[in-house]
Each structure stands twice: as structure tokens, then as C-alpha cells.
Amino acid sequence: AEGPDRGLEDLVGEIRRHTGTPVYVGFGIDSPARAAAVCRYADGVVIGTALVRLVRDAADADEAVARVRRFLEECSGALAAPLSPPAKESTS
């Protein structure tokens, strides 16, 4: 990975070298796309603050439930989608 995920991906790799336990990431998972990106190198994600914000910003309990359901369905879809292989560097 390049950019801001490089350090996180390296950290997950370092943790994997020391344990056989699945490695989950729970910081900054604020969108379905972010969840899918992180799951390229982690075993899973933990979503917390994003759900709290959806509930906090809802007008009532019904809207909160609908927002959370929609967000989690979108995350589930993003995680179930086939992953594209990593881009290969050009050798030409």
C-alpha cells in the first residue's frame, strides 16, 4: 500500500509475525470503502465511532436504526465484493 495506509499495513504485518490470532483494525473505519480497503491486509474491521455518529445525528430511534442498517448493509456489500488484485508495477 501507498499513502496513509502504508504505516497501518506495515503494523498489521508486524503483528502477524508475532501471533496467529486474527488481526482486526478499528480506527478510522468510517465508510464501506474504507472497510474494504483495510480488509485487504487485515482480517476484519471494528466499526464504532461511525455507528455512534449515525445514531447521534438521527432525528429519532427509527431513523437511527434505518441509518445503521443501511451503513452496515453497505459495508457488508463492500466486504463481500470480489477484491481486485493489487496493481502491478510496470517493468517497461
N, C-alpha and C. Protein backbone atom coordinates (compact mmCIF):
# COMPACT_ATOMS: atom_id res chain seq x y z
N ALA A 1 0.85 -1.19 0.00
CA ALA A 1 0.00 0.00 0.00
C ALA A 1 0.87 1.23 0.00
N GLU A 2 0.30 2.27 -0.52
CA GLU A 2 0.99 3.55 -0.52
C GLU A 2 0.13 4.54 0.25
N GLY A 3 0.70 5.68 0.57
CA GLY A 3 -0.06 6.73 1.23
C GLY A 3 -0.29 6.44 2.69
N PRO A 4 -1.40 6.96 3.22
CA PRO A 4 -1.64 6.89 4.67
C PRO A 4 -1.80 5.48 5.21
N ASP A 5 -2.21 4.52 4.38
CA ASP A 5 -2.39 3.15 4.86
C ASP A 5 -1.08 2.39 4.98
N ARG A 6 -0.01 2.89 4.41
CA ARG A 6 1.25 2.15 4.41
C ARG A 6 1.69 1.80 5.84
N GLY A 7 1.68 2.77 6.73
CA GLY A 7 2.09 2.52 8.10
C GLY A 7 1.18 1.52 8.79
N LEU A 8 -0.11 1.62 8.56
CA LEU A 8 -1.07 0.71 9.17
C LEU A 8 -0.89 -0.70 8.62
N GLU A 9 -0.70 -0.80 7.33
CA GLU A 9 -0.49 -2.12 6.73
C GLU A 9 0.80 -2.74 7.27
N ASP A 10 1.85 -1.94 7.40
CA ASP A 10 3.11 -2.44 7.96
C ASP A 10 2.91 -2.91 9.40
N LEU A 11 2.15 -2.16 10.18
CA LEU A 11 1.89 -2.53 11.57
C LEU A 11 1.12 -3.85 11.66
N VAL A 12 0.11 -4.00 10.82
CA VAL A 12 -0.64 -5.26 10.80
C VAL A 12 0.30 -6.42 10.43
N GLY A 13 1.18 -6.20 9.46
CA GLY A 13 2.15 -7.23 9.09
C GLY A 13 3.07 -7.59 10.23
N GLU A 14 3.52 -6.58 10.98
CA GLU A 14 4.40 -6.82 12.12
C GLU A 14 3.68 -7.62 13.20
N ILE A 15 2.42 -7.28 13.47
CA ILE A 15 1.63 -8.02 14.46
C ILE A 15 1.48 -9.47 14.01
N ARG A 16 1.22 -9.68 12.73
CA ARG A 16 1.04 -11.05 12.21
C ARG A 16 2.30 -11.90 12.42
N ARG A 17 3.47 -11.28 12.38
CA ARG A 17 4.71 -12.04 12.58
C ARG A 17 4.85 -12.56 14.01
N HIS A 18 4.06 -12.01 14.92
CA HIS A 18 4.18 -12.38 16.32
C HIS A 18 3.00 -13.18 16.87
N THR A 19 1.97 -13.39 16.06
CA THR A 19 0.80 -14.10 16.55
C THR A 19 0.05 -14.77 15.40
N GLY A 20 -0.63 -15.82 15.72
CA GLY A 20 -1.50 -16.47 14.75
C GLY A 20 -2.95 -16.02 14.91
N THR A 21 -3.17 -15.10 15.85
CA THR A 21 -4.51 -14.58 16.11
C THR A 21 -4.94 -13.65 14.99
N PRO A 22 -6.18 -13.70 14.56
CA PRO A 22 -6.65 -12.75 13.54
C PRO A 22 -6.43 -11.31 13.99
N VAL A 23 -6.11 -10.46 13.02
CA VAL A 23 -5.82 -9.05 13.30
C VAL A 23 -6.94 -8.20 12.71
N TYR A 24 -7.60 -7.45 13.59
CA TYR A 24 -8.69 -6.56 13.19
C TYR A 24 -8.24 -5.12 13.40
N VAL A 25 -8.73 -4.22 12.56
CA VAL A 25 -8.42 -2.80 12.67
C VAL A 25 -9.69 -2.06 13.03
N GLY A 26 -9.60 -1.18 14.01
CA GLY A 26 -10.79 -0.47 14.48
C GLY A 26 -10.63 1.03 14.55
N PHE A 27 -9.70 1.59 13.82
CA PHE A 27 -9.53 3.04 13.81
C PHE A 27 -9.80 3.57 12.42
N GLY A 28 -10.65 4.58 12.31
CA GLY A 28 -10.88 5.23 11.03
C GLY A 28 -11.76 4.48 10.06
N ILE A 29 -12.54 3.54 10.53
CA ILE A 29 -13.43 2.79 9.64
C ILE A 29 -14.74 3.57 9.57
N ASP A 30 -14.79 4.52 8.65
CA ASP A 30 -15.93 5.44 8.59
C ASP A 30 -16.75 5.33 7.31
N SER A 31 -16.43 4.34 6.47
CA SER A 31 -17.19 4.15 5.24
C SER A 31 -17.03 2.72 4.76
N PRO A 32 -17.96 2.26 3.92
CA PRO A 32 -17.82 0.92 3.36
C PRO A 32 -16.52 0.76 2.56
N ALA A 33 -16.16 1.79 1.80
CA ALA A 33 -14.93 1.72 1.01
C ALA A 33 -13.70 1.59 1.90
N ARG A 34 -13.71 2.31 3.02
CA ARG A 34 -12.57 2.24 3.95
C ARG A 34 -12.51 0.84 4.57
N ALA A 35 -13.64 0.28 4.93
CA ALA A 35 -13.67 -1.08 5.49
C ALA A 35 -13.07 -2.07 4.50
N ALA A 36 -13.48 -1.98 3.24
CA ALA A 36 -12.98 -2.90 2.22
C ALA A 36 -11.49 -2.70 2.00
N ALA A 37 -11.03 -1.45 1.99
CA ALA A 37 -9.60 -1.18 1.79
C ALA A 37 -8.76 -1.79 2.91
N VAL A 38 -9.20 -1.64 4.13
CA VAL A 38 -8.45 -2.15 5.29
C VAL A 38 -8.47 -3.68 5.29
N CYS A 39 -9.55 -4.27 4.84
CA CYS A 39 -9.63 -5.74 4.83
C CYS A 39 -8.76 -6.37 3.75
N ARG A 40 -8.09 -5.57 2.96
CA ARG A 40 -7.11 -6.11 2.02
C ARG A 40 -5.90 -6.66 2.77
N TYR A 41 -5.62 -6.11 3.96
CA TYR A 41 -4.46 -6.56 4.72
C TYR A 41 -4.77 -6.96 6.16
N ALA A 42 -5.97 -6.68 6.64
CA ALA A 42 -6.38 -7.10 7.98
C ALA A 42 -7.44 -8.19 7.85
N ASP A 43 -7.65 -8.93 8.91
CA ASP A 43 -8.65 -9.99 8.88
C ASP A 43 -10.07 -9.48 9.02
N GLY A 44 -10.21 -8.26 9.49
CA GLY A 44 -11.54 -7.69 9.66
C GLY A 44 -11.44 -6.29 10.21
N VAL A 45 -12.59 -5.68 10.39
CA VAL A 45 -12.66 -4.32 10.91
C VAL A 45 -13.64 -4.26 12.08
N VAL A 46 -13.43 -3.27 12.92
CA VAL A 46 -14.33 -2.99 14.03
C VAL A 46 -14.87 -1.59 13.79
N ILE A 47 -16.18 -1.47 13.70
CA ILE A 47 -16.79 -0.17 13.42
C ILE A 47 -17.46 0.31 14.69
N GLY A 48 -17.06 1.46 15.16
CA GLY A 48 -17.61 2.00 16.40
C GLY A 48 -18.09 3.43 16.24
N THR A 49 -17.15 4.34 16.13
CA THR A 49 -17.48 5.77 16.10
C THR A 49 -18.43 6.11 14.96
N ALA A 50 -18.26 5.50 13.80
CA ALA A 50 -19.15 5.79 12.68
C ALA A 50 -20.60 5.46 13.03
N LEU A 51 -20.80 4.36 13.75
CA LEU A 51 -22.16 3.98 14.14
C LEU A 51 -22.70 4.93 15.21
N VAL A 52 -21.86 5.31 16.15
CA VAL A 52 -22.28 6.26 17.18
C VAL A 52 -22.72 7.57 16.53
N ARG A 53 -21.98 8.03 15.54
CA ARG A 53 -22.35 9.29 14.85
C ARG A 53 -23.67 9.15 14.13
N LEU A 54 -23.90 8.02 13.48
CA LEU A 54 -25.17 7.82 12.77
C LEU A 54 -26.34 7.88 13.75
N VAL A 55 -26.19 7.26 14.89
CA VAL A 55 -27.24 7.28 15.91
C VAL A 55 -27.41 8.69 16.47
N ARG A 56 -26.31 9.32 16.80
CA ARG A 56 -26.36 10.67 17.39
C ARG A 56 -27.05 11.67 16.46
N ASP A 57 -26.78 11.56 15.16
CA ASP A 57 -27.31 12.54 14.21
C ASP A 57 -28.72 12.24 13.71
N ALA A 58 -29.28 11.12 14.13
CA ALA A 58 -30.64 10.76 13.69
C ALA A 58 -31.68 11.56 14.47
N ALA A 59 -32.81 11.80 13.81
CA ALA A 59 -33.89 12.56 14.44
C ALA A 59 -34.61 11.77 15.52
N ASP A 60 -34.66 10.43 15.34
CA ASP A 60 -35.35 9.60 16.32
C ASP A 60 -34.82 8.16 16.22
N ALA A 61 -35.34 7.29 17.04
CA ALA A 61 -34.85 5.92 17.10
C ALA A 61 -35.05 5.18 15.77
N ASP A 62 -36.20 5.39 15.13
CA ASP A 62 -36.45 4.71 13.86
C ASP A 62 -35.44 5.13 12.80
N GLU A 63 -35.15 6.41 12.73
CA GLU A 63 -34.15 6.89 11.76
C GLU A 63 -32.77 6.34 12.12
N ALA A 64 -32.45 6.28 13.39
CA ALA A 64 -31.15 5.74 13.82
C ALA A 64 -31.00 4.29 13.36
N VAL A 65 -32.03 3.49 13.59
CA VAL A 65 -31.99 2.09 13.17
C VAL A 65 -31.84 1.99 11.66
N ALA A 66 -32.58 2.80 10.92
CA ALA A 66 -32.50 2.76 9.46
C ALA A 66 -31.12 3.16 8.97
N ARG A 67 -30.54 4.20 9.56
CA ARG A 67 -29.20 4.64 9.16
C ARG A 67 -28.14 3.57 9.44
N VAL A 68 -28.21 2.99 10.63
CA VAL A 68 -27.23 1.97 10.99
C VAL A 68 -27.39 0.76 10.09
N ARG A 69 -28.62 0.33 9.86
CA ARG A 69 -28.86 -0.82 8.98
C ARG A 69 -28.30 -0.57 7.59
N ARG A 70 -28.59 0.60 7.02
CA ARG A 70 -28.11 0.94 5.68
C ARG A 70 -26.58 0.93 5.63
N PHE A 71 -25.94 1.55 6.62
CA PHE A 71 -24.49 1.62 6.66
C PHE A 71 -23.88 0.21 6.73
N LEU A 72 -24.43 -0.62 7.61
CA LEU A 72 -23.89 -1.97 7.76
C LEU A 72 -24.16 -2.84 6.54
N GLU A 73 -25.30 -2.64 5.89
CA GLU A 73 -25.57 -3.37 4.64
C GLU A 73 -24.57 -2.96 3.56
N GLU A 74 -24.27 -1.66 3.49
CA GLU A 74 -23.29 -1.17 2.52
C GLU A 74 -21.90 -1.73 2.83
N CYS A 75 -21.55 -1.78 4.10
CA CYS A 75 -20.25 -2.36 4.50
C CYS A 75 -20.21 -3.83 4.12
N SER A 76 -21.28 -4.55 4.42
CA SER A 76 -21.34 -5.97 4.10
C SER A 76 -21.17 -6.19 2.60
N GLY A 77 -21.83 -5.37 1.80
CA GLY A 77 -21.69 -5.47 0.35
C GLY A 77 -20.28 -5.18 -0.11
N ALA A 78 -19.66 -4.16 0.46
CA ALA A 78 -18.30 -3.80 0.08
C ALA A 78 -17.32 -4.91 0.45
N LEU A 79 -17.55 -5.54 1.59
CA LEU A 79 -16.64 -6.60 2.03
C LEU A 79 -16.87 -7.90 1.27
N ALA A 80 -18.07 -8.11 0.77
CA ALA A 80 -18.38 -9.33 0.03
C ALA A 80 -17.98 -9.24 -1.43
N ALA A 81 -17.75 -8.02 -1.91
CA ALA A 81 -17.38 -7.83 -3.32
C ALA A 81 -16.02 -8.45 -3.57
N PRO A 82 -15.84 -9.03 -4.75
CA PRO A 82 -14.52 -9.59 -5.07
C PRO A 82 -13.47 -8.49 -5.03
N LEU A 83 -12.34 -8.82 -4.45
CA LEU A 83 -11.26 -7.85 -4.37
C LEU A 83 -10.49 -7.82 -5.68
N SER A 84 -10.18 -6.64 -6.14
CA SER A 84 -9.34 -6.52 -7.33
C SER A 84 -7.91 -6.85 -6.91
N PRO A 85 -7.17 -7.51 -7.79
CA PRO A 85 -5.79 -7.78 -7.43
C PRO A 85 -5.02 -6.46 -7.33
N PRO A 86 -3.99 -6.43 -6.48
CA PRO A 86 -3.19 -5.21 -6.36
C PRO A 86 -2.59 -4.85 -7.72
N ALA A 87 -2.48 -3.57 -7.98
CA ALA A 87 -1.89 -3.11 -9.24
C ALA A 87 -0.42 -3.54 -9.29
N LYS A 88 -0.01 -4.05 -10.43
CA LYS A 88 1.38 -4.47 -10.60
C LYS A 88 2.18 -3.28 -11.11
N GLU A 89 3.42 -3.20 -10.64
CA GLU A 89 4.28 -2.13 -11.10
C GLU A 89 4.70 -2.42 -12.51
N SER A 90 4.81 -1.39 -13.31
CA SER A 90 5.23 -1.52 -14.69
C SER A 90 6.71 -1.84 -14.73
N THR A 91 7.09 -2.79 -15.58
CA THR A 91 8.51 -3.15 -15.71
C THR A 91 9.08 -2.62 -17.01
N SER A 92 8.29 -1.86 -17.74
CA SER A 92 8.79 -1.34 -19.02
C SER A 92 9.39 0.01 -18.88
